[in-house]
Protein backbone atom coordinates (compact mmCIF):
# COMPACT_ATOMS: atom_id res chain seq x y z
CA MET A 1 96.80 131.14 93.15
CA SER A 2 97.31 133.59 90.32
CA ASP A 3 99.77 136.40 89.77
CA ASN A 4 100.85 138.81 87.04
CA SER A 5 97.62 139.42 85.09
CA SER A 6 94.57 137.40 84.38
CA ASP A 7 94.44 135.00 81.51
CA ASN A 8 91.35 136.60 79.99
CA SER A 9 93.32 139.26 78.15
CA SER A 10 94.72 137.14 75.33
CA GLY A 11 95.54 133.69 74.12
CA GLY A 12 92.08 132.22 74.44
CA PRO A 13 90.30 130.46 71.62
CA GLY A 14 90.68 132.42 68.39
CA GLN A 15 93.01 135.01 69.92
CA GLY A 16 96.42 134.12 68.55
CA TYR A 17 98.98 131.45 69.26
CA ALA A 18 99.02 130.40 72.93
CA VAL A 19 102.13 128.72 74.32
CA VAL A 20 101.97 127.28 77.83
CA LEU A 21 105.27 127.23 79.73
CA LEU A 22 105.76 124.99 82.76
CA VAL A 23 108.87 126.17 84.63
CA GLU A 24 110.54 125.02 87.82
CA GLN A 25 112.31 128.27 88.63
CA ALA A 26 112.75 131.81 87.36
CA LEU A 27 113.94 132.10 83.77
CA THR A 28 117.05 134.10 83.08
CA ALA A 29 117.01 136.76 80.37
CA HIS A 30 118.92 134.31 78.16
CA ASP A 31 116.37 131.51 78.74
CA ALA A 32 113.49 133.90 78.00
CA ALA A 33 115.13 135.14 74.81
CA GLN A 34 115.66 131.55 73.60
CA VAL A 35 112.02 130.64 74.27
CA HIS A 36 110.81 133.80 72.51
CA SER A 37 113.10 133.09 69.54
CA LEU A 38 111.18 129.86 68.87
CA HIS A 39 108.09 131.83 67.85
CA GLU A 40 109.39 135.09 66.37
CA ALA A 41 108.63 134.00 62.80
CA LEU A 42 104.94 133.41 63.48
CA GLU A 43 102.63 135.94 61.89
CA GLU A 44 99.90 135.71 64.52
CA PRO A 45 100.40 137.20 68.01
CA VAL A 46 101.95 134.81 70.55
CA THR A 47 101.07 134.82 74.23
CA TYR A 48 103.09 132.86 76.77
CA HIS A 49 101.14 131.47 79.72
CA VAL A 50 103.67 130.70 82.44
CA LEU A 51 102.91 128.12 85.12
CA LEU A 52 105.23 127.88 88.11
CA PRO A 53 104.39 125.17 90.67
CA LEU A 54 104.31 126.40 94.25
CA GLU A 55 107.21 124.90 96.14
CA ASP A 56 105.78 122.47 98.69
CA ALA A 57 106.77 123.53 102.20
CA ALA A 58 106.21 120.05 103.66
CA ALA A 59 108.32 118.47 100.91
CA ARG A 60 111.06 121.02 101.58
CA ILE A 61 111.18 119.99 105.24
CA GLU A 62 111.05 116.28 104.33
CA SER A 63 113.87 116.78 101.86
CA ALA A 64 116.01 118.47 104.50
CA MET A 65 115.26 115.67 106.93
CA GLY A 66 115.97 113.06 104.25
CA SER A 67 119.55 114.30 104.06
CA LEU A 68 120.19 112.98 107.54
CA THR A 69 122.42 109.93 107.64
CA ALA A 70 121.38 106.76 109.43
CA GLY A 71 123.68 107.67 112.32
CA ASP A 72 122.03 111.04 112.63
CA MET A 73 118.64 109.40 112.77
CA LEU A 74 119.71 107.20 115.68
CA ALA A 75 121.11 110.16 117.59
CA THR A 76 118.92 112.50 119.60
CA PRO A 77 117.58 115.22 117.33
CA THR A 78 118.94 118.69 118.05
CA MET A 79 115.67 120.37 117.03
CA PRO A 80 112.37 118.64 117.76
CA MET A 81 109.96 118.64 114.83
CA GLY A 82 107.46 120.58 116.93
CA GLU A 83 109.76 123.60 116.71
CA VAL A 84 109.59 123.69 112.89
CA ASP A 85 107.26 126.50 111.92
CA LEU A 86 105.52 124.96 108.89
CA ASP A 87 103.48 128.13 108.34
CA ALA A 88 106.65 130.23 108.15
CA VAL A 89 108.20 127.77 105.70
CA ARG A 90 104.99 127.76 103.63
CA LYS A 91 104.95 131.59 103.56
CA ASP A 92 108.60 131.62 102.50
CA CYS A 93 107.80 129.16 99.69
CA GLU A 94 104.89 131.34 98.50
CA GLU A 95 107.08 134.47 98.52
CA ARG A 96 109.88 132.70 96.61
CA SER A 97 107.46 131.34 94.03
CA SER A 98 105.87 134.77 93.54
CA ALA A 99 109.29 136.39 93.09
CA GLU A 100 110.40 133.70 90.60
CA LEU A 101 107.20 134.06 88.60
CA ALA A 102 107.57 137.86 88.49
CA THR A 103 111.20 137.49 87.35
CA THR A 104 110.15 135.08 84.60
CA ILE A 105 107.33 137.32 83.35
CA GLU A 106 109.69 140.33 83.35
CA ALA A 107 112.37 138.38 81.44
CA LEU A 108 109.90 137.25 78.78
CA ARG A 109 108.48 140.76 78.40
CA ALA A 110 112.00 142.22 78.19
CA SER A 111 112.65 139.86 75.25
CA GLY A 112 109.64 141.37 73.47
CA ALA A 113 107.17 138.61 74.32
CA THR A 114 103.63 138.92 75.65
CA ALA A 115 103.55 136.92 78.88
CA ILE A 116 101.20 136.29 81.76
CA GLY A 117 101.50 133.72 84.49
CA GLU A 118 100.33 132.08 87.63
CA ILE A 119 101.56 130.00 90.50
CA VAL A 120 99.89 126.60 90.52
CA THR A 121 99.19 124.31 93.43
CA ASP A 122 97.77 121.41 91.43
CA PRO A 123 100.13 118.67 90.25
CA PRO A 124 102.21 120.29 87.48
CA ILE A 125 100.94 118.14 84.61
CA ASP A 126 97.32 118.56 85.71
CA ALA A 127 97.86 122.34 85.76
CA LEU A 128 99.58 122.20 82.34
CA ALA A 129 96.76 120.17 80.79
CA ALA A 130 94.09 122.46 82.27
CA LYS A 131 95.84 125.61 81.02
CA VAL A 132 96.37 124.21 77.51
CA ALA A 133 92.63 123.43 77.37
CA ALA A 134 91.61 126.79 78.88
CA VAL A 135 93.63 128.93 76.47
CA ASP A 136 93.40 126.65 73.43
CA GLY A 137 97.17 126.19 73.70
CA ARG A 138 98.98 125.33 70.47
CA GLU A 139 102.06 123.95 72.22
CA ALA A 140 103.56 123.42 75.64
CA ILE A 141 107.14 123.96 76.75
CA ILE A 142 108.53 122.40 79.90
CA LEU A 143 111.69 124.02 81.27
CA THR A 144 113.60 122.15 83.92
CA ARG A 145 116.85 122.65 85.77
CA PRO A 146 119.86 121.10 84.04
CA HIS A 147 121.35 119.16 86.93
CA VAL A 148 121.12 115.38 86.84
CA VAL A 149 118.80 114.79 89.81
CA ALA A 150 116.20 117.30 88.65
CA GLU A 151 116.49 116.02 85.10
CA PHE A 152 115.86 112.44 86.25
CA PHE A 153 112.66 113.35 88.07
CA HIS A 154 111.30 115.97 85.72
CA LEU A 155 111.80 114.12 82.46
CA ASP A 156 108.73 112.42 83.83
CA TRP A 157 106.87 115.75 83.48
CA THR A 158 107.53 115.59 79.76
CA SER A 159 106.50 111.97 79.34
CA LYS A 160 103.33 112.51 81.40
CA ALA A 161 102.46 115.62 79.39
CA ARG A 162 102.98 113.78 76.08
CA ARG A 163 100.49 111.11 77.14
CA ARG A 164 97.93 113.61 78.33
CA ILE A 165 98.01 116.71 76.09
CA GLY A 166 97.28 116.72 72.39
CA VAL A 167 99.76 119.47 71.48
CA PRO A 168 103.49 119.38 70.76
CA ILE A 169 105.66 119.28 73.89
CA LEU A 170 109.13 120.82 73.94
CA HIS A 171 111.40 120.03 76.88
CA LEU A 172 114.21 122.52 77.44
CA LEU A 173 116.91 122.73 80.06
CA GLU A 174 117.20 126.13 81.71
CA HIS A 175 120.55 127.92 81.52
CA GLU A 176 121.75 126.00 78.43
CA THR A 177 121.78 127.21 74.86
CA PHE A 178 120.03 125.18 72.19
CA ASP A 179 123.45 124.08 70.87
CA GLU A 180 124.54 122.92 74.33
CA GLN A 181 121.33 120.93 74.70
CA ALA A 182 121.73 119.34 71.28
CA GLU A 183 125.19 118.14 72.33
CA GLY A 184 123.81 116.73 75.62
CA TYR A 185 123.46 113.17 76.74
CA GLY A 186 120.75 110.95 75.25
CA ASP A 187 117.32 112.31 76.05
CA GLU A 188 118.45 115.53 77.70
CA GLY A 189 117.71 118.87 76.12
CA VAL A 190 115.34 119.50 73.27
CA THR A 191 112.85 116.64 73.10
CA GLY A 192 109.34 115.90 72.06
CA LEU A 193 109.08 117.79 68.81
């Protein structure tokens, strides 16, 4: 699934410096400005290729059900699973992902960057590796949410990407300045340079 321009316009082999961004959610204007600031000194044109994984509707339902306590599971359910409209949840996920991608592209462009993007349905690291190869990416940046649970699971994105992609990987936490990330705990924040 692709949104916000095709990738044929720039960033391919011999067409500047391609940076592939893997993001979990929409970037704020501040996040976009920080990312763009990393490459402002480059003399060649930089194109950001944004990948935003489509939220998985089934996983969203499973997650909601996983929050039930053991006592709740033994009790009679108040809403049978047959009444859950998976197609409606899937459509909602697609709409949210499209809106978050559009917000991210707009934020990057407002910072002065050239940015295009797409929603991906493949596993995130597979999509990242494929895009780096397709656009002759010079580096990849993974932006994750700063809270502890997301950080625990998505640090794995960075380690998987390091093993698979032959370009530098930068892991940033959304909504934190570079200074805040540098003062973080252990492996949080700026990693993989």
